Amino acid sequence: MNENIITQFINTVITPDPENNILSQDEIRRMRDSSEGGINELFKKCALAVLNSLEVTDDVRVVKSQLKHFDINVLQRDRGIKLEIINAPAQAFVDGEMIQGIKEHLFSVLRDIVYLDQALNHSPDFDFSGGLSTTNAIFNILRNAKAIRPGVEPDLVVCWGGHAISNAEYAYCKEVGYRLGLRGKNIITGCGPGAMKGPMKGALIGQSKQRIHLGRFIGITEPGIIAAESPNPIVNELMIMPDIEKRLEAFVRLGHGIIVFPGGVGTMEEILYLMGILLDDENKHMPFPVVFTGNKNSEAYFDKIDSFLHNTLGEEVCERYQIIIDDPIQVAKVMQAGLKEVTAYRKKMDDAFHFNWRLKIDDLFQKPFHPDHQNMSALNLSTNQEKYILAANLRKAFSGIVTGNVKENGIEAIEKYGPYKLTGDAKLCTEIDDLLQAFIKQHRMKLIHSDYRPCYEFY
């Protein structure tokens, strides 16, 4: 029986666990600041997304419609803080008590929003201008969230893929996760449903069979997308990064290998980000296992991506990943072997297991890209540039299409100004258009496909 009652709401006051129960006077003041530039509204949006995490939707306007009636206040008490929640969705409760996992996610949001505000606006020690300073800031955010665990040999597998996948594809993701769990591997995803939830669910079962009780199921998100990809219930370590670029860097710095499941434009953005970094000459000899995989029905999807990468970025890029179709055991074995190579390499180079400091990430991949109509039109989509630079620009184009599809500001901009206009080499634009048209035909652009209209056009 479905207990979710999205039309009913509950008022409550909750207390965090002791380790999350301390905020300074200044932090509490900033949490209450609803003026322009204040963080109260951001906290409200992210908190409501977490409370809606049992509702499967990628329409951010569902959350927006509830936001008018929702409120959350930080209450200061002698023994710490409490959260007063007004009009919380009833689906987040059982018999009047908030579900423990949702409660933990809510305080993770509080922790990260406060810390990010401090890092971005109030601390001279944080510098997001690019290069090592950005990487240091990302490390500090992850450390503050207790994601950095020294001394543990590489076992974190990042799983990318779409939230709007078929039941058969979801079952396959779960089976791959199960095979990884049997081998003691832990999972990092974007924390949402679909291909982000399936590997975690499977790994949880696999680890349970091996009597592993402290498995790590890390979800990394960012404020602009959390409403469309609310944290799934299996996530036991939730982290919010400042923007998509910091989120992507957190994946590749914290994770030790990556598995890509079927997805849509967002997954393609992640692939291009990763391939662009791995195409940098300074990363050429660094082991970093990457597997594209799905069930038998996903073969055409990966064939199309493989063809696109080959035709746009050259043969060299194809050496940085393997495609394995409909064989979960082989995927797990390949990833396990790859993690052994990573372990041996980091021992040889005297490099940390817990954070990939040695990976070179160019400023092109670190600096935030704001995909408005002007910036999308200005993208250099020409083949007459180094491959890793082309990959960075292609990533930005796909990032803009993600924004136009699922993010509130992007949807509103498309409705107001029309589709993004992209320019570039004719052959390259044809490759992009062919790939996106294939995604549309395969219903990989939105959870609700019936009314899909492309948010881009070439001219």
Protein backbone atom coordinates (compact mmCIF):
# COMPACT_ATOMS: atom_id res chain seq x y z
CA MET A 1 0.00 0.00 0.00
CA ASN A 2 1.27 3.50 -0.88
CA GLU A 3 1.46 5.56 2.32
CA ASN A 4 2.58 8.73 0.54
CA ILE A 5 -0.02 11.44 0.98
CA ILE A 6 1.49 14.39 -0.85
CA THR A 7 -1.63 16.55 -0.30
CA GLN A 8 -1.38 16.34 3.50
CA PHE A 9 1.05 18.29 5.63
CA ILE A 10 2.47 18.14 9.15
CA ASN A 11 3.90 20.73 11.53
CA THR A 12 6.68 19.50 13.79
CA VAL A 13 9.81 20.37 15.75
CA ILE A 14 12.84 18.06 15.46
CA THR A 15 16.17 17.80 17.25
CA PRO A 16 19.39 16.74 15.48
CA ASP A 17 21.87 14.16 16.68
CA PRO A 18 24.40 15.65 19.13
CA GLU A 19 27.19 16.03 16.55
CA ASN A 20 24.95 18.20 14.35
CA ASN A 21 23.48 20.21 17.21
CA ILE A 22 25.88 23.14 17.40
CA LEU A 23 25.65 26.40 15.46
CA SER A 24 27.22 29.72 16.36
CA GLN A 25 25.12 32.83 16.96
CA ASP A 26 26.33 34.23 13.63
CA GLU A 27 25.46 31.02 11.77
CA ILE A 28 21.95 31.03 13.22
CA ARG A 29 21.56 34.69 12.21
CA ARG A 30 22.59 33.88 8.64
CA MET A 31 20.26 30.88 8.53
CA ARG A 32 17.38 33.22 9.35
CA ASP A 33 18.42 35.77 6.72
CA SER A 34 15.78 35.81 3.98
CA SER A 35 17.05 39.01 2.31
CA GLU A 36 18.65 38.98 -1.11
CA GLY A 37 21.85 36.98 -0.79
CA GLY A 38 20.67 35.40 2.47
CA ILE A 39 20.63 31.62 2.80
CA ASN A 40 17.22 31.08 4.39
CA GLU A 41 15.47 30.63 1.03
CA LEU A 42 18.16 28.26 -0.26
CA PHE A 43 17.89 26.18 2.90
CA LYS A 44 14.11 26.06 2.57
CA LYS A 45 14.27 24.83 -1.04
CA CYS A 46 16.82 22.12 -0.28
CA ALA A 47 15.00 21.06 2.90
CA LEU A 48 11.68 20.74 1.07
CA ALA A 49 13.36 18.67 -1.65
CA VAL A 50 14.62 16.26 1.02
CA LEU A 51 11.18 16.04 2.61
CA ASN A 52 9.76 15.21 -0.84
CA SER A 53 12.36 12.50 -1.46
CA LEU A 54 9.81 9.68 -1.57
CA GLU A 55 7.92 11.38 -4.39
CA VAL A 56 9.35 10.44 -7.82
CA THR A 57 9.22 13.50 -10.06
CA ASP A 58 11.68 15.61 -12.04
CA ASP A 59 9.37 18.63 -12.22
CA VAL A 60 10.86 21.26 -9.90
CA ARG A 61 7.61 23.17 -10.10
CA VAL A 62 6.00 20.56 -7.84
CA VAL A 63 8.35 21.65 -5.06
CA LYS A 64 7.94 25.31 -6.01
CA SER A 65 4.16 25.12 -5.61
CA GLN A 66 4.60 23.72 -2.08
CA LEU A 67 7.23 26.31 -1.18
CA LYS A 68 4.58 29.04 -0.82
CA HIS A 69 3.10 27.21 2.19
CA PHE A 70 6.28 25.65 3.58
CA ASP A 71 8.61 27.12 6.18
CA ILE A 72 11.50 25.93 8.32
CA ASN A 73 13.03 27.84 11.21
CA VAL A 74 16.18 27.32 13.26
CA LEU A 75 15.30 27.58 16.95
CA GLN A 76 18.07 28.30 19.42
CA ARG A 77 17.84 26.48 22.75
CA ASP A 78 20.16 26.32 25.77
CA ARG A 79 21.22 22.78 24.85
CA GLY A 80 21.55 23.32 21.14
CA ILE A 81 19.23 23.90 18.20
CA LYS A 82 15.93 22.55 16.92
CA LEU A 83 14.20 22.84 13.58
CA GLU A 84 10.61 24.02 13.46
CA ILE A 85 8.98 22.74 10.28
CA ILE A 86 5.69 24.12 9.00
CA ASN A 87 3.64 22.25 6.38
CA ALA A 88 6.08 19.39 5.79
CA PRO A 89 4.81 16.77 3.29
CA ALA A 90 3.16 13.93 5.23
CA GLN A 91 5.06 11.32 3.20
CA ALA A 92 8.18 12.15 5.26
CA PHE A 93 6.51 10.79 8.42
CA VAL A 94 5.35 7.47 9.84
CA ASP A 95 2.73 7.64 12.60
CA GLY A 96 3.57 11.29 13.14
CA GLU A 97 7.34 10.74 13.46
CA MET A 98 9.77 11.86 10.78
CA ILE A 99 11.52 8.96 9.03
CA GLN A 100 15.04 8.75 10.48
CA GLY A 101 16.84 8.74 7.12
CA ILE A 102 14.99 11.86 6.01
CA LYS A 103 15.79 13.52 9.33
CA GLU A 104 19.49 12.75 8.84
CA HIS A 105 19.38 14.16 5.31
CA LEU A 106 17.69 17.31 6.59
CA PHE A 107 20.50 17.99 9.03
CA SER A 108 23.09 17.20 6.37
CA VAL A 109 21.47 19.96 4.32
CA LEU A 110 21.70 22.31 7.31
CA ARG A 111 25.36 21.40 7.86
CA ASP A 112 26.36 21.95 4.24
CA ILE A 113 24.33 25.10 3.58
CA VAL A 114 25.84 26.75 6.67
CA TYR A 115 29.37 25.59 5.77
CA LEU A 116 29.07 26.56 2.11
CA ASP A 117 27.83 30.02 3.04
CA GLN A 118 30.80 30.41 5.35
CA ALA A 119 33.20 29.15 2.69
CA LEU A 120 31.80 31.21 -0.17
CA ASN A 121 31.01 34.48 1.55
CA HIS A 122 32.74 34.84 4.90
CA SER A 123 36.05 32.97 4.98
CA PRO A 124 39.26 34.34 3.41
CA ASP A 125 40.71 30.82 3.63
CA PHE A 126 38.42 29.57 0.85
CA ASP A 127 39.28 30.41 -2.74
CA PHE A 128 37.20 29.07 -5.64
CA SER A 129 39.09 30.99 -8.33
CA GLY A 130 40.45 27.79 -9.89
CA GLY A 131 43.32 25.33 -9.79
CA LEU A 132 44.62 23.93 -6.53
CA SER A 133 42.74 26.52 -4.47
CA THR A 134 39.40 25.17 -5.76
CA THR A 135 40.52 21.60 -5.12
CA ASN A 136 41.55 22.53 -1.57
CA ALA A 137 38.12 24.08 -0.97
CA ILE A 138 36.39 20.93 -2.26
CA PHE A 139 38.56 18.82 0.02
CA ASN A 140 37.57 20.97 3.00
CA ILE A 141 33.86 20.68 2.18
CA LEU A 142 34.15 16.88 1.97
CA ARG A 143 36.22 16.74 5.15
CA ASN A 144 33.64 18.83 7.00
CA ALA A 145 31.01 16.30 5.88
CA LYS A 146 33.23 13.48 7.24
CA ALA A 147 33.59 11.95 3.78
CA ILE A 148 37.41 11.86 3.99
CA ARG A 149 38.56 8.63 5.65
CA PRO A 150 42.35 8.12 5.54
CA GLY A 151 43.92 4.69 5.55
CA VAL A 152 41.13 2.82 3.73
CA GLU A 153 42.22 1.17 0.49
CA PRO A 154 40.29 2.30 -2.63
CA ASP A 155 36.75 0.87 -2.60
CA LEU A 156 34.49 3.76 -3.66
CA VAL A 157 32.73 3.19 -6.99
CA VAL A 158 30.95 6.17 -8.53
CA CYS A 159 27.77 5.21 -10.40
CA TRP A 160 26.34 7.66 -12.92
CA GLY A 161 23.13 7.32 -14.90
CA GLY A 162 19.66 8.70 -15.37
CA HIS A 163 16.80 9.02 -12.94
CA ALA A 164 14.25 8.26 -15.70
CA ILE A 165 15.25 4.73 -16.75
CA SER A 166 13.11 1.70 -17.54
CA ASN A 167 12.27 -0.99 -15.00
CA ALA A 168 14.57 -3.44 -16.78
CA GLU A 169 17.46 -0.96 -16.73
CA TYR A 170 16.84 -0.29 -13.04
CA ALA A 171 16.91 -4.00 -12.28
CA TYR A 172 20.23 -4.29 -14.12
CA CYS A 173 21.72 -1.36 -12.15
CA LYS A 174 20.63 -3.06 -8.95
CA GLU A 175 22.22 -6.35 -10.02
CA VAL A 176 25.54 -4.62 -10.77
CA GLY A 177 25.37 -2.97 -7.36
CA TYR A 178 24.68 -6.36 -5.77
CA ARG A 179 27.80 -7.84 -7.38
CA LEU A 180 29.86 -4.88 -6.17
CA GLY A 181 28.41 -5.23 -2.67
CA LEU A 182 29.39 -8.89 -2.53
CA ARG A 183 32.94 -7.73 -3.20
CA GLY A 184 32.81 -5.18 -0.38
CA LYS A 185 32.64 -2.12 -2.60
CA ASN A 186 30.94 1.12 -1.53
CA ILE A 187 28.86 3.36 -3.77
CA ILE A 188 28.79 7.06 -4.66
CA THR A 189 25.97 8.46 -6.82
CA GLY A 190 24.18 11.70 -7.51
CA CYS A 191 21.81 10.52 -4.76
CA GLY A 192 18.56 10.55 -6.75
CA PRO A 193 16.28 7.76 -8.05
CA GLY A 194 16.77 5.42 -11.01
CA ALA A 195 20.39 4.59 -11.85
CA MET A 196 21.47 6.50 -8.73
CA LYS A 197 19.34 4.39 -6.41
CA GLY A 198 19.59 0.94 -8.06
CA PRO A 199 23.33 0.33 -7.48
CA MET A 200 22.98 1.42 -3.85
CA LYS A 201 20.04 -0.90 -3.25
CA GLY A 202 21.85 -3.84 -4.82
CA ALA A 203 25.09 -3.12 -2.96
CA LEU A 204 23.19 -2.89 0.34
CA ILE A 205 21.88 -6.42 -0.19
CA GLY A 206 25.27 -7.73 -1.30
CA GLN A 207 27.05 -6.20 1.67
CA SER A 208 24.39 -7.57 4.04
CA LYS A 209 25.06 -11.08 2.75
CA GLN A 210 28.73 -10.54 3.52
CA ARG A 211 27.76 -9.20 6.96
CA ILE A 212 29.17 -5.78 6.14
CA HIS A 213 27.17 -3.47 8.38
CA LEU A 214 28.92 -0.13 7.91
CA GLY A 215 28.65 0.26 4.15
CA ARG A 216 28.96 3.71 2.64
CA PHE A 217 26.25 5.01 0.31
CA ILE A 218 27.35 8.53 -0.56
CA GLY A 219 25.07 10.97 -2.36
CA ILE A 220 26.60 14.13 -3.83
CA THR A 221 24.24 16.83 -5.05
CA GLU A 222 24.06 20.61 -5.53
CA PRO A 223 21.36 23.21 -4.81
CA GLY A 224 20.32 23.71 -8.43
CA ILE A 225 19.34 20.09 -9.00
CA ILE A 226 18.35 18.66 -5.61
CA ALA A 227 14.64 19.41 -6.17
CA ALA A 228 14.65 17.34 -9.37
CA GLU A 229 16.80 14.56 -7.89
CA SER A 230 15.88 14.38 -4.21
CA PRO A 231 18.06 12.05 -2.09
CA ASN A 232 16.96 8.42 -2.22
CA PRO A 233 16.40 6.66 1.13
CA ILE A 234 19.52 4.46 0.94
CA VAL A 235 21.94 7.40 0.99
CA ASN A 236 23.61 7.45 4.41
CA GLU A 237 26.11 10.22 3.63
CA LEU A 238 24.55 13.21 1.90
CA MET A 239 26.69 16.12 0.69
CA ILE A 240 25.72 19.35 -1.05
CA MET A 241 28.37 21.04 -3.19
CA PRO A 242 28.18 24.70 -4.29
CA ASP A 243 27.54 24.02 -7.99
CA ILE A 244 27.67 21.36 -10.69
CA GLU A 245 31.40 21.83 -11.36
CA LYS A 246 32.33 21.28 -7.70
CA ARG A 247 29.95 18.33 -7.59
CA LEU A 248 31.64 16.70 -10.59
CA GLU A 249 35.10 17.30 -9.17
CA ALA A 250 34.01 15.78 -5.85
CA PHE A 251 32.96 12.62 -7.72
CA VAL A 252 36.31 12.12 -9.42
CA ARG A 253 38.47 13.18 -6.46
CA LEU A 254 36.63 11.05 -3.89
CA GLY A 255 35.76 8.05 -6.07
CA HIS A 256 38.25 5.43 -7.26
CA GLY A 257 36.44 4.15 -10.35
CA ILE A 258 33.30 5.03 -12.32
CA ILE A 259 30.46 2.97 -13.78
CA VAL A 260 28.11 4.70 -16.22
CA PHE A 261 24.59 3.32 -16.62
CA PRO A 262 21.99 4.48 -19.17
CA GLY A 263 20.82 8.04 -18.72
CA GLY A 264 20.14 11.17 -20.70
CA VAL A 265 21.70 14.55 -21.23
CA GLY A 266 22.91 14.86 -17.63
CA THR A 267 24.74 11.55 -17.92
CA MET A 268 26.29 12.71 -21.20
CA GLU A 269 27.48 15.85 -19.44
CA GLU A 270 29.17 13.69 -16.80
CA ILE A 271 30.79 11.49 -19.46
CA LEU A 272 32.20 14.50 -21.34
CA TYR A 273 33.53 15.99 -18.09
CA LEU A 274 35.30 12.76 -17.22
CA MET A 275 36.66 12.10 -20.72
CA GLY A 276 37.92 15.67 -21.01
CA ILE A 277 39.92 15.27 -17.81
CA LEU A 278 41.28 11.87 -18.79
CA LEU A 279 42.34 13.24 -22.20
CA ASP A 280 44.67 15.72 -20.51
CA ASP A 281 48.25 14.58 -21.12
CA GLU A 282 49.08 14.86 -17.41
CA ASN A 283 46.48 12.19 -16.63
CA LYS A 284 47.40 9.89 -19.48
CA HIS A 285 49.11 7.20 -17.42
CA MET A 286 46.93 7.41 -14.32
CA PRO A 287 44.78 4.30 -13.78
CA PHE A 288 41.11 5.24 -13.47
CA PRO A 289 38.71 2.38 -14.31
CA VAL A 290 35.65 3.47 -16.30
CA VAL A 291 32.92 1.07 -17.46
CA PHE A 292 29.82 1.87 -19.52
CA THR A 293 27.19 -0.80 -18.92
CA GLY A 294 23.51 -1.66 -19.22
CA ASN A 295 21.19 -4.51 -20.04
CA LYS A 296 20.77 -5.89 -23.56
CA ASN A 297 18.21 -3.25 -24.47
CA SER A 298 20.78 -0.54 -23.64
CA GLU A 299 23.26 -1.70 -26.27
CA ALA A 300 22.07 0.76 -28.93
CA TYR A 301 22.30 3.59 -26.41
CA PHE A 302 25.95 2.90 -25.62
CA ASP A 303 26.77 2.26 -29.28
CA LYS A 304 25.50 5.76 -30.04
CA ILE A 305 27.56 7.32 -27.23
CA ASP A 306 30.65 5.36 -28.29
CA SER A 307 30.20 6.57 -31.86
CA PHE A 308 29.69 10.17 -30.72
CA LEU A 309 32.82 10.16 -28.55
CA HIS A 310 34.89 8.57 -31.31
CA ASN A 311 33.66 10.98 -33.99
CA THR A 312 34.10 14.12 -31.88
CA LEU A 313 37.07 13.40 -29.59
CA GLY A 314 39.00 10.81 -31.59
CA GLU A 315 40.19 7.23 -31.11
CA GLU A 316 42.24 8.04 -28.01
CA VAL A 317 39.16 8.72 -25.92
CA CYS A 318 37.84 5.20 -26.56
CA GLU A 319 40.88 3.77 -24.76
CA ARG A 320 39.72 5.33 -21.48
CA TYR A 321 36.57 3.22 -21.03
CA GLN A 322 35.17 -0.25 -21.55
CA ILE A 323 31.65 -1.11 -22.68
CA ILE A 324 30.17 -4.23 -21.08
CA ILE A 325 26.61 -5.19 -22.00
CA ASP A 326 24.34 -7.40 -19.90
CA ASP A 327 27.03 -8.94 -17.70
CA PRO A 328 26.90 -7.62 -14.10
CA ILE A 329 29.48 -10.10 -12.80
CA GLN A 330 32.01 -9.08 -15.42
CA VAL A 331 31.42 -5.41 -14.62
CA ALA A 332 32.15 -6.07 -10.94
CA LYS A 333 35.26 -8.10 -11.75
CA VAL A 334 36.62 -5.44 -14.12
CA MET A 335 35.99 -2.73 -11.54
CA GLN A 336 37.62 -4.78 -8.78
CA ALA A 337 40.71 -5.35 -10.95
CA GLY A 338 40.78 -1.64 -11.79
CA LEU A 339 40.66 -0.66 -8.13
CA LYS A 340 43.64 -2.93 -7.46
CA GLU A 341 45.56 -1.00 -10.13
CA VAL A 342 44.53 2.26 -8.51
CA THR A 343 45.74 0.99 -5.13
CA ALA A 344 49.10 -0.13 -6.53
CA TYR A 345 49.58 3.17 -8.39
CA ARG A 346 48.83 5.33 -5.36
CA LYS A 347 51.16 3.27 -3.20
CA LYS A 348 53.88 3.62 -5.82
CA MET A 349 53.35 7.38 -6.10
CA ASP A 350 52.93 7.77 -2.31
CA ASP A 351 49.54 9.35 -3.03
CA ALA A 352 46.50 9.44 -0.73
CA PHE A 353 43.83 6.75 -1.00
CA HIS A 354 41.07 9.03 0.26
CA PHE A 355 41.35 11.93 -2.23
CA ASN A 356 42.84 12.03 -5.71
CA TRP A 357 45.16 15.02 -5.41
CA ARG A 358 47.27 13.99 -8.40
CA LEU A 359 44.47 14.14 -10.98
CA LYS A 360 44.92 17.27 -13.14
CA ILE A 361 41.69 19.22 -13.63
CA ASP A 362 41.98 22.27 -15.85
CA ASP A 363 40.26 25.55 -14.96
CA LEU A 364 37.94 24.95 -17.92
CA PHE A 365 36.30 22.19 -15.90
CA GLN A 366 36.38 24.01 -12.55
CA LYS A 367 34.94 27.44 -13.25
CA PRO A 368 31.14 27.57 -13.06
CA PHE A 369 29.34 27.80 -16.37
CA HIS A 370 26.10 29.76 -16.25
CA PRO A 371 24.02 28.42 -19.15
CA ASP A 372 21.96 31.45 -20.09
CA HIS A 373 21.07 32.19 -23.71
CA GLN A 374 24.08 34.46 -24.24
CA ASN A 375 26.65 32.02 -22.87
CA MET A 376 25.15 29.08 -24.73
CA SER A 377 25.33 30.99 -28.02
CA ALA A 378 28.97 31.94 -27.33
CA LEU A 379 30.21 28.36 -26.88
CA ASN A 380 33.06 27.33 -29.18
CA LEU A 381 31.80 24.10 -30.74
CA SER A 382 34.61 23.80 -33.26
CA THR A 383 36.83 20.79 -33.92
CA ASN A 384 39.81 23.14 -34.37
CA GLN A 385 40.91 22.98 -30.72
CA GLU A 386 42.56 20.50 -28.39
CA LYS A 387 40.36 17.52 -27.62
CA TYR A 388 40.14 18.10 -23.88
CA ILE A 389 39.10 21.73 -24.55
CA LEU A 390 36.44 20.57 -27.01
CA ALA A 391 35.22 18.08 -24.40
CA ALA A 392 34.95 20.96 -21.88
CA ASN A 393 32.86 23.03 -24.29
CA LEU A 394 30.65 20.09 -25.22
CA ARG A 395 30.13 19.47 -21.51
CA LYS A 396 28.93 23.05 -21.11
CA ALA A 397 26.49 22.65 -24.00
CA PHE A 398 24.99 19.54 -22.43
CA SER A 399 24.94 21.27 -19.04
CA GLY A 400 22.80 24.00 -20.58
CA ILE A 401 20.40 21.46 -22.01
CA VAL A 402 20.09 19.85 -18.57
CA THR A 403 19.29 23.30 -17.17
CA GLY A 404 16.67 23.92 -19.83
CA ASN A 405 15.08 20.55 -19.14
CA VAL A 406 14.88 20.25 -15.35
CA LYS A 407 16.16 23.32 -13.47
CA GLU A 408 13.68 25.98 -12.42
CA ASN A 409 15.65 28.95 -13.75
CA GLY A 410 16.35 27.17 -17.06
CA ILE A 411 12.75 26.13 -17.62
CA GLU A 412 11.58 29.69 -16.96
CA ALA A 413 14.22 31.15 -19.31
CA ILE A 414 13.22 28.78 -22.13
CA GLU A 415 9.57 29.65 -21.64
CA LYS A 416 10.42 33.36 -21.80
CA TYR A 417 13.10 33.55 -24.52
CA GLY A 418 12.67 30.35 -26.49
CA PRO A 419 15.23 27.57 -27.12
CA TYR A 420 18.97 28.02 -26.64
CA LYS A 421 20.78 28.70 -29.92
CA LEU A 422 23.98 26.74 -30.52
CA THR A 423 26.54 27.30 -33.29
CA GLY A 424 29.57 25.32 -34.42
CA ASP A 425 31.12 23.19 -37.15
CA ALA A 426 28.42 21.65 -39.30
CA LYS A 427 29.66 18.09 -38.79
CA LEU A 428 30.01 18.55 -35.04
CA CYS A 429 26.52 20.08 -34.74
CA THR A 430 25.16 17.14 -36.73
CA GLU A 431 26.81 14.72 -34.30
CA ILE A 432 25.31 16.58 -31.32
CA ASP A 433 21.88 16.75 -32.91
CA ASP A 434 21.92 13.07 -33.88
CA LEU A 435 22.82 12.09 -30.32
CA LEU A 436 20.13 14.28 -28.78
CA GLN A 437 17.51 13.09 -31.25
CA ALA A 438 18.42 9.51 -30.32
CA PHE A 439 17.89 10.41 -26.63
CA ILE A 440 14.47 11.86 -27.51
CA LYS A 441 13.45 8.75 -29.47
CA GLN A 442 14.58 6.56 -26.56
CA HIS A 443 12.57 8.77 -24.13
CA ARG A 444 15.70 9.70 -22.18
CA MET A 445 15.18 13.45 -21.96
CA LYS A 446 12.49 13.69 -19.27
CA LEU A 447 10.60 11.48 -16.83
CA ILE A 448 7.34 12.56 -18.49
CA HIS A 449 8.04 12.28 -22.22
CA SER A 450 4.65 12.96 -23.79
CA ASP A 451 5.05 16.76 -23.99
CA TYR A 452 8.80 16.96 -24.52
CA ARG A 453 9.99 19.90 -26.61
CA PRO A 454 13.74 20.41 -27.22
CA CYS A 455 15.20 23.37 -25.33
CA TYR A 456 17.90 23.91 -28.00
CA GLU A 457 18.25 24.55 -31.71
CA PHE A 458 21.18 24.98 -34.10
CA TYR A 459 21.64 27.93 -36.41
